[in-house]
Amino acid sequence: MATTFLVENTKTADQPLIEQLLDIAFGIDRRVKTSYRLREGSVPAEGLSLVVRDADVGVAGAISFWPLVIGKAGTPALLLGPLVVHPERQNIGVGLALMQEGLARAKARGHKFVILVGDAPYYARVGFQKLPESKLILPGPVNPERFLYVELVQGALSETRGLVLPPHRFAEISAAFTVPHQAERQKQSAERH
């Protein structure tokens, strides 16, 4: 008999417990990983930060999805992670329930695909597969065998290429390229006179 879990939206009060769980599961050095760099300065996508609560351990598991922008075209995507399950609640389906509910909610909100850096056999249970090499570039080191994606809309990844950034970094970089270079300003000024 499969156990069902109540997957709920994360509350502010859950954050300290989630941070403790993340420290236990991944260590405090987790913050230097590329996937953490993609989350810096951002907030999870609306309605996509979820928990399973438990009377004995507090938070049995948690998952968040973060907005991303990819390539020159500015293609929107999501980053799954972190996904964490309390050590006393592992191997009973908490992580699977969080992934299934999170991906269903993401699809219902119109998101088209999700990427992550993680263990391929674990995430394959919900459809993730290895990303084709040289398709997307992360702003830091990543093992290509652990760079995974799932399409929520068939074919959504087919035309997507380029550097993966959080929205605020994409906006900063895009703005920098829209400001004319000094030589271009002089040329435009000379053409007007």
C-alpha atoms as a PDB file:
ATOM      1  CA  MET A   1       0.000   0.000   0.000  1.00  0.00           C
ATOM      2  CA  ALA A   2       1.424   3.363  -1.035  1.00  0.00           C
ATOM      3  CA  THR A   3       1.600   6.096   1.555  1.00  0.00           C
ATOM      4  CA  THR A   4       0.128   9.437   0.586  1.00  0.00           C
ATOM      5  CA  PHE A   5       1.557  12.674   1.843  1.00  0.00           C
ATOM      6  CA  LEU A   6      -0.022  16.082   2.184  1.00  0.00           C
ATOM      7  CA  VAL A   7       2.113  18.452   0.129  1.00  0.00           C
ATOM      8  CA  GLU A   8       1.566  22.061   1.178  1.00  0.00           C
ATOM      9  CA  ASN A   9       2.932  25.512   0.421  1.00  0.00           C
ATOM     10  CA  THR A  10       5.972  26.454   2.476  1.00  0.00           C
ATOM     11  CA  LYS A  11       5.356  28.950   5.280  1.00  0.00           C
ATOM     12  CA  THR A  12       7.853  31.445   6.692  1.00  0.00           C
ATOM     13  CA  ALA A  13       7.931  29.410   9.912  1.00  0.00           C
ATOM     14  CA  ASP A  14       9.194  26.378   7.934  1.00  0.00           C
ATOM     15  CA  GLN A  15      12.391  28.109   6.770  1.00  0.00           C
ATOM     16  CA  PRO A  16      14.592  27.460   9.841  1.00  0.00           C
ATOM     17  CA  LEU A  17      13.665  23.758   9.791  1.00  0.00           C
ATOM     18  CA  ILE A  18      14.306  23.547   6.054  1.00  0.00           C
ATOM     19  CA  GLU A  19      17.723  25.213   6.454  1.00  0.00           C
ATOM     20  CA  GLN A  20      18.625  22.727   9.214  1.00  0.00           C
ATOM     21  CA  LEU A  21      17.559  19.848   6.985  1.00  0.00           C
ATOM     22  CA  LEU A  22      19.631  21.212   4.092  1.00  0.00           C
ATOM     23  CA  ASP A  23      22.690  21.520   6.365  1.00  0.00           C
ATOM     24  CA  ILE A  24      22.252  17.908   7.506  1.00  0.00           C
ATOM     25  CA  ALA A  25      21.685  16.552   4.002  1.00  0.00           C
ATOM     26  CA  PHE A  26      24.119  18.637   1.938  1.00  0.00           C
ATOM     27  CA  GLY A  27      26.465  20.379   4.383  1.00  0.00           C
ATOM     28  CA  ILE A  28      27.053  24.068   4.793  1.00  0.00           C
ATOM     29  CA  ASP A  29      29.360  24.179   1.769  1.00  0.00           C
ATOM     30  CA  ARG A  30      26.321  23.588  -0.469  1.00  0.00           C
ATOM     31  CA  ARG A  31      26.082  27.327  -1.026  1.00  0.00           C
ATOM     32  CA  VAL A  32      29.160  27.386  -3.270  1.00  0.00           C
ATOM     33  CA  LYS A  33      27.606  25.049  -5.849  1.00  0.00           C
ATOM     34  CA  THR A  34      26.535  26.377  -9.232  1.00  0.00           C
ATOM     35  CA  SER A  35      22.862  25.602  -8.606  1.00  0.00           C
ATOM     36  CA  TYR A  36      22.980  27.786  -5.484  1.00  0.00           C
ATOM     37  CA  ARG A  37      24.525  30.599  -7.523  1.00  0.00           C
ATOM     38  CA  LEU A  38      21.436  30.462  -9.750  1.00  0.00           C
ATOM     39  CA  ARG A  39      19.186  30.970  -6.722  1.00  0.00           C
ATOM     40  CA  GLU A  40      21.106  33.868  -5.147  1.00  0.00           C
ATOM     41  CA  GLY A  41      19.136  37.086  -5.101  1.00  0.00           C
ATOM     42  CA  SER A  42      15.963  35.347  -6.255  1.00  0.00           C
ATOM     43  CA  VAL A  43      12.844  33.996  -4.634  1.00  0.00           C
ATOM     44  CA  PRO A  44      11.154  30.694  -5.509  1.00  0.00           C
ATOM     45  CA  ALA A  45       8.567  30.756  -8.267  1.00  0.00           C
ATOM     46  CA  GLU A  46       5.109  31.681  -6.972  1.00  0.00           C
ATOM     47  CA  GLY A  47       3.338  28.686  -5.438  1.00  0.00           C
ATOM     48  CA  LEU A  48       6.279  26.350  -6.053  1.00  0.00           C
ATOM     49  CA  SER A  49       7.979  26.140  -2.677  1.00  0.00           C
ATOM     50  CA  LEU A  50       6.476  23.086  -0.999  1.00  0.00           C
ATOM     51  CA  VAL A  51       6.778  20.960   2.132  1.00  0.00           C
ATOM     52  CA  VAL A  52       5.523  17.778   3.707  1.00  0.00           C
ATOM     53  CA  ARG A  53       5.065  18.372   7.417  1.00  0.00           C
ATOM     54  CA  ASP A  54       5.369  15.665  10.058  1.00  0.00           C
ATOM     55  CA  ALA A  55       4.321  15.776  13.718  1.00  0.00           C
ATOM     56  CA  ASP A  56       7.484  13.984  14.865  1.00  0.00           C
ATOM     57  CA  VAL A  57      10.230  15.629  12.781  1.00  0.00           C
ATOM     58  CA  GLY A  58       8.604  18.941  11.827  1.00  0.00           C
ATOM     59  CA  VAL A  59       9.411  19.106   8.121  1.00  0.00           C
ATOM     60  CA  ALA A  60       9.664  15.668   6.509  1.00  0.00           C
ATOM     61  CA  GLY A  61      10.699  17.124   3.157  1.00  0.00           C
ATOM     62  CA  ALA A  62      10.874  20.295   1.095  1.00  0.00           C
ATOM     63  CA  ILE A  63      11.277  21.332  -2.516  1.00  0.00           C
ATOM     64  CA  SER A  64      11.490  24.646  -4.357  1.00  0.00           C
ATOM     65  CA  PHE A  65      11.443  25.694  -7.991  1.00  0.00           C
ATOM     66  CA  TRP A  66      13.220  28.875  -9.071  1.00  0.00           C
ATOM     67  CA  PRO A  67      12.697  31.058 -12.148  1.00  0.00           C
ATOM     68  CA  LEU A  68      15.430  31.121 -14.777  1.00  0.00           C
ATOM     69  CA  VAL A  69      16.016  32.838 -18.104  1.00  0.00           C
ATOM     70  CA  ILE A  70      17.986  31.108 -20.851  1.00  0.00           C
ATOM     71  CA  GLY A  71      19.951  32.464 -23.805  1.00  0.00           C
ATOM     72  CA  LYS A  72      19.621  35.619 -25.852  1.00  0.00           C
ATOM     73  CA  ALA A  73      15.955  34.862 -26.496  1.00  0.00           C
ATOM     74  CA  GLY A  74      15.249  35.000 -22.764  1.00  0.00           C
ATOM     75  CA  THR A  75      13.450  31.667 -22.668  1.00  0.00           C
ATOM     76  CA  PRO A  76      11.825  31.130 -19.257  1.00  0.00           C
ATOM     77  CA  ALA A  77      12.480  27.907 -17.343  1.00  0.00           C
ATOM     78  CA  LEU A  78      12.548  26.597 -13.796  1.00  0.00           C
ATOM     79  CA  LEU A  79      15.329  25.200 -11.622  1.00  0.00           C
ATOM     80  CA  LEU A  80      14.283  22.391  -9.283  1.00  0.00           C
ATOM     81  CA  GLY A  81      16.093  22.425  -6.003  1.00  0.00           C
ATOM     82  CA  PRO A  82      16.898  21.953  -3.450  1.00  0.00           C
ATOM     83  CA  LEU A  83      14.877  18.830  -2.757  1.00  0.00           C
ATOM     84  CA  VAL A  84      15.531  17.534   0.740  1.00  0.00           C
ATOM     85  CA  VAL A  85      14.010  14.746   2.820  1.00  0.00           C
ATOM     86  CA  HIS A  86      14.530  14.302   6.545  1.00  0.00           C
ATOM     87  CA  PRO A  87      16.883  11.341   7.240  1.00  0.00           C
ATOM     88  CA  GLU A  88      14.168   9.632   9.304  1.00  0.00           C
ATOM     89  CA  ARG A  89      11.656   9.940   6.453  1.00  0.00           C
ATOM     90  CA  GLN A  90      13.753   8.777   3.504  1.00  0.00           C
ATOM     91  CA  ASN A  91      12.787   5.868   1.238  1.00  0.00           C
ATOM     92  CA  ILE A  92       9.066   6.113   1.961  1.00  0.00           C
ATOM     93  CA  GLY A  93       8.043   8.361  -0.945  1.00  0.00           C
ATOM     94  CA  VAL A  94       8.283  11.883   0.497  1.00  0.00           C
ATOM     95  CA  GLY A  95      10.703  13.075  -2.194  1.00  0.00           C
ATOM     96  CA  LEU A  96       8.660  11.487  -4.969  1.00  0.00           C
ATOM     97  CA  ALA A  97       5.453  13.099  -3.668  1.00  0.00           C
ATOM     98  CA  LEU A  98       7.139  16.514  -3.532  1.00  0.00           C
ATOM     99  CA  MET A  99       8.496  16.168  -7.089  1.00  0.00           C
ATOM    100  CA  GLN A 100       5.202  14.942  -8.539  1.00  0.00           C
ATOM    101  CA  GLU A 101       3.160  17.686  -6.896  1.00  0.00           C
ATOM    102  CA  GLY A 102       5.736  20.378  -7.708  1.00  0.00           C
ATOM    103  CA  LEU A 103       5.933  19.420 -11.379  1.00  0.00           C
ATOM    104  CA  ALA A 104       2.128  19.215 -11.646  1.00  0.00           C
ATOM    105  CA  ARG A 105       1.790  22.687 -10.130  1.00  0.00           C
ATOM    106  CA  ALA A 106       4.531  24.056 -12.395  1.00  0.00           C
ATOM    107  CA  LYS A 107       2.766  22.693 -15.480  1.00  0.00           C
ATOM    108  CA  ALA A 108      -0.586  24.064 -14.289  1.00  0.00           C
ATOM    109  CA  ARG A 109       1.046  27.503 -13.929  1.00  0.00           C
ATOM    110  CA  GLY A 110       2.206  27.391 -17.562  1.00  0.00           C
ATOM    111  CA  HIS A 111       5.878  26.530 -17.084  1.00  0.00           C
ATOM    112  CA  LYS A 112       7.313  24.567 -19.990  1.00  0.00           C
ATOM    113  CA  PHE A 113      10.435  22.835 -18.697  1.00  0.00           C
ATOM    114  CA  VAL A 114      12.553  22.327 -15.610  1.00  0.00           C
ATOM    115  CA  ILE A 115      16.275  21.779 -15.179  1.00  0.00           C
ATOM    116  CA  LEU A 116      18.333  20.574 -12.232  1.00  0.00           C
ATOM    117  CA  VAL A 117      21.715  19.249 -11.207  1.00  0.00           C
ATOM    118  CA  GLY A 118      21.289  15.898  -9.496  1.00  0.00           C
ATOM    119  CA  ASP A 119      21.312  12.107  -9.482  1.00  0.00           C
ATOM    120  CA  ALA A 120      19.885  10.897 -12.812  1.00  0.00           C
ATOM    121  CA  PRO A 121      18.400   7.576 -11.592  1.00  0.00           C
ATOM    122  CA  TYR A 122      16.603   9.310  -8.713  1.00  0.00           C
ATOM    123  CA  TYR A 123      15.066  12.078 -10.830  1.00  0.00           C
ATOM    124  CA  ALA A 124      14.288   9.764 -13.773  1.00  0.00           C
ATOM    125  CA  ARG A 125      11.329   8.526 -11.695  1.00  0.00           C
ATOM    126  CA  VAL A 126       9.507  11.738 -12.661  1.00  0.00           C
ATOM    127  CA  GLY A 127      10.805  11.965 -16.220  1.00  0.00           C
ATOM    128  CA  PHE A 128      14.115  13.824 -15.910  1.00  0.00           C
ATOM    129  CA  GLN A 129      16.843  12.897 -18.352  1.00  0.00           C
ATOM    130  CA  LYS A 130      20.368  13.999 -19.185  1.00  0.00           C
ATOM    131  CA  LEU A 131      20.469  17.313 -21.005  1.00  0.00           C
ATOM    132  CA  PRO A 132      22.031  17.145 -24.482  1.00  0.00           C
ATOM    133  CA  GLU A 133      25.603  18.443 -24.231  1.00  0.00           C
ATOM    134  CA  SER A 134      26.326  22.045 -25.262  1.00  0.00           C
ATOM    135  CA  LYS A 135      22.638  22.952 -25.271  1.00  0.00           C
ATOM    136  CA  LEU A 136      22.595  24.974 -22.057  1.00  0.00           C
ATOM    137  CA  ILE A 137      25.486  26.576 -20.203  1.00  0.00           C
ATOM    138  CA  LEU A 138      25.494  27.106 -16.463  1.00  0.00           C
ATOM    139  CA  PRO A 139      27.458  30.002 -14.951  1.00  0.00           C
ATOM    140  CA  GLY A 140      29.799  27.648 -13.098  1.00  0.00           C
ATOM    141  CA  PRO A 141      31.090  24.087 -13.062  1.00  0.00           C
ATOM    142  CA  VAL A 142      28.667  21.182 -13.368  1.00  0.00           C
ATOM    143  CA  ASN A 143      29.067  17.481 -14.091  1.00  0.00           C
ATOM    144  CA  PRO A 144      27.292  17.034 -17.456  1.00  0.00           C
ATOM    145  CA  GLU A 145      26.048  13.593 -16.350  1.00  0.00           C
ATOM    146  CA  ARG A 146      24.098  15.304 -13.548  1.00  0.00           C
ATOM    147  CA  PHE A 147      22.699  18.180 -15.651  1.00  0.00           C
ATOM    148  CA  LEU A 148      19.092  17.060 -16.202  1.00  0.00           C
ATOM    149  CA  TYR A 149      15.811  18.338 -17.632  1.00  0.00           C
ATOM    150  CA  VAL A 150      12.169  17.426 -18.008  1.00  0.00           C
ATOM    151  CA  GLU A 151       9.742  18.997 -20.462  1.00  0.00           C
ATOM    152  CA  LEU A 152       6.334  19.881 -19.098  1.00  0.00           C
ATOM    153  CA  VAL A 153       5.291  20.781 -22.642  1.00  0.00           C
ATOM    154  CA  GLN A 154       6.550  18.459 -25.340  1.00  0.00           C
ATOM    155  CA  GLY A 155       9.269  20.069 -27.488  1.00  0.00           C
ATOM    156  CA  ALA A 156       9.749  23.033 -25.128  1.00  0.00           C
ATOM    157  CA  LEU A 157      13.513  22.564 -24.967  1.00  0.00           C
ATOM    158  CA  SER A 158      14.049  22.010 -28.696  1.00  0.00           C
ATOM    159  CA  GLU A 159      14.800  25.624 -29.634  1.00  0.00           C
ATOM    160  CA  THR A 160      16.339  26.667 -26.304  1.00  0.00           C
ATOM    161  CA  ARG A 161      20.087  27.341 -26.174  1.00  0.00           C
ATOM    162  CA  GLY A 162      22.505  29.451 -24.236  1.00  0.00           C
ATOM    163  CA  LEU A 163      23.534  30.697 -20.834  1.00  0.00           C
ATOM    164  CA  VAL A 164      21.220  29.957 -17.905  1.00  0.00           C
ATOM    165  CA  LEU A 165      20.731  32.893 -15.521  1.00  0.00           C
ATOM    166  CA  PRO A 166      18.384  34.017 -12.770  1.00  0.00           C
ATOM    167  CA  PRO A 167      15.984  36.721 -14.022  1.00  0.00           C
ATOM    168  CA  HIS A 168      17.699  39.618 -12.217  1.00  0.00           C
ATOM    169  CA  ARG A 169      21.109  38.728 -13.746  1.00  0.00           C
ATOM    170  CA  PHE A 170      19.560  38.361 -17.199  1.00  0.00           C
ATOM    171  CA  ALA A 171      17.953  41.804 -16.820  1.00  0.00           C
ATOM    172  CA  GLU A 172      21.266  43.359 -15.710  1.00  0.00           C
ATOM    173  CA  ILE A 173      23.177  41.856 -18.612  1.00  0.00           C
ATOM    174  CA  SER A 174      20.457  42.724 -21.140  1.00  0.00           C
ATOM    175  CA  ALA A 175      20.374  46.318 -19.886  1.00  0.00           C
ATOM    176  CA  ALA A 176      24.147  46.579 -20.216  1.00  0.00           C
ATOM    177  CA  PHE A 177      23.920  45.609 -23.878  1.00  0.00           C
ATOM    178  CA  THR A 178      21.129  48.076 -24.633  1.00  0.00           C
ATOM    179  CA  VAL A 179      23.225  51.052 -23.508  1.00  0.00           C
ATOM    180  CA  PRO A 180      25.119  52.276 -26.563  1.00  0.00           C
ATOM    181  CA  HIS A 181      28.877  52.097 -26.385  1.00  0.00           C
ATOM    182  CA  GLN A 182      30.619  55.517 -26.434  1.00  0.00           C
ATOM    183  CA  ALA A 183      31.721  55.044 -30.062  1.00  0.00           C
ATOM    184  CA  GLU A 184      28.166  54.134 -31.071  1.00  0.00           C
ATOM    185  CA  ARG A 185      26.814  57.264 -29.320  1.00  0.00           C
ATOM    186  CA  GLN A 186      29.304  59.450 -31.181  1.00  0.00           C
ATOM    187  CA  LYS A 187      28.342  57.857 -34.493  1.00  0.00           C
ATOM    188  CA  GLN A 188      24.629  58.397 -33.753  1.00  0.00           C
ATOM    189  CA  SER A 189      25.312  62.026 -32.781  1.00  0.00           C
ATOM    190  CA  ALA A 190      27.310  62.665 -35.979  1.00  0.00           C
ATOM    191  CA  GLU A 191      24.528  61.168 -38.110  1.00  0.00           C
ATOM    192  CA  ARG A 192      21.975  63.537 -36.576  1.00  0.00           C
ATOM    193  CA  HIS A 193      24.018  66.656 -37.387  1.00  0.00           C
END
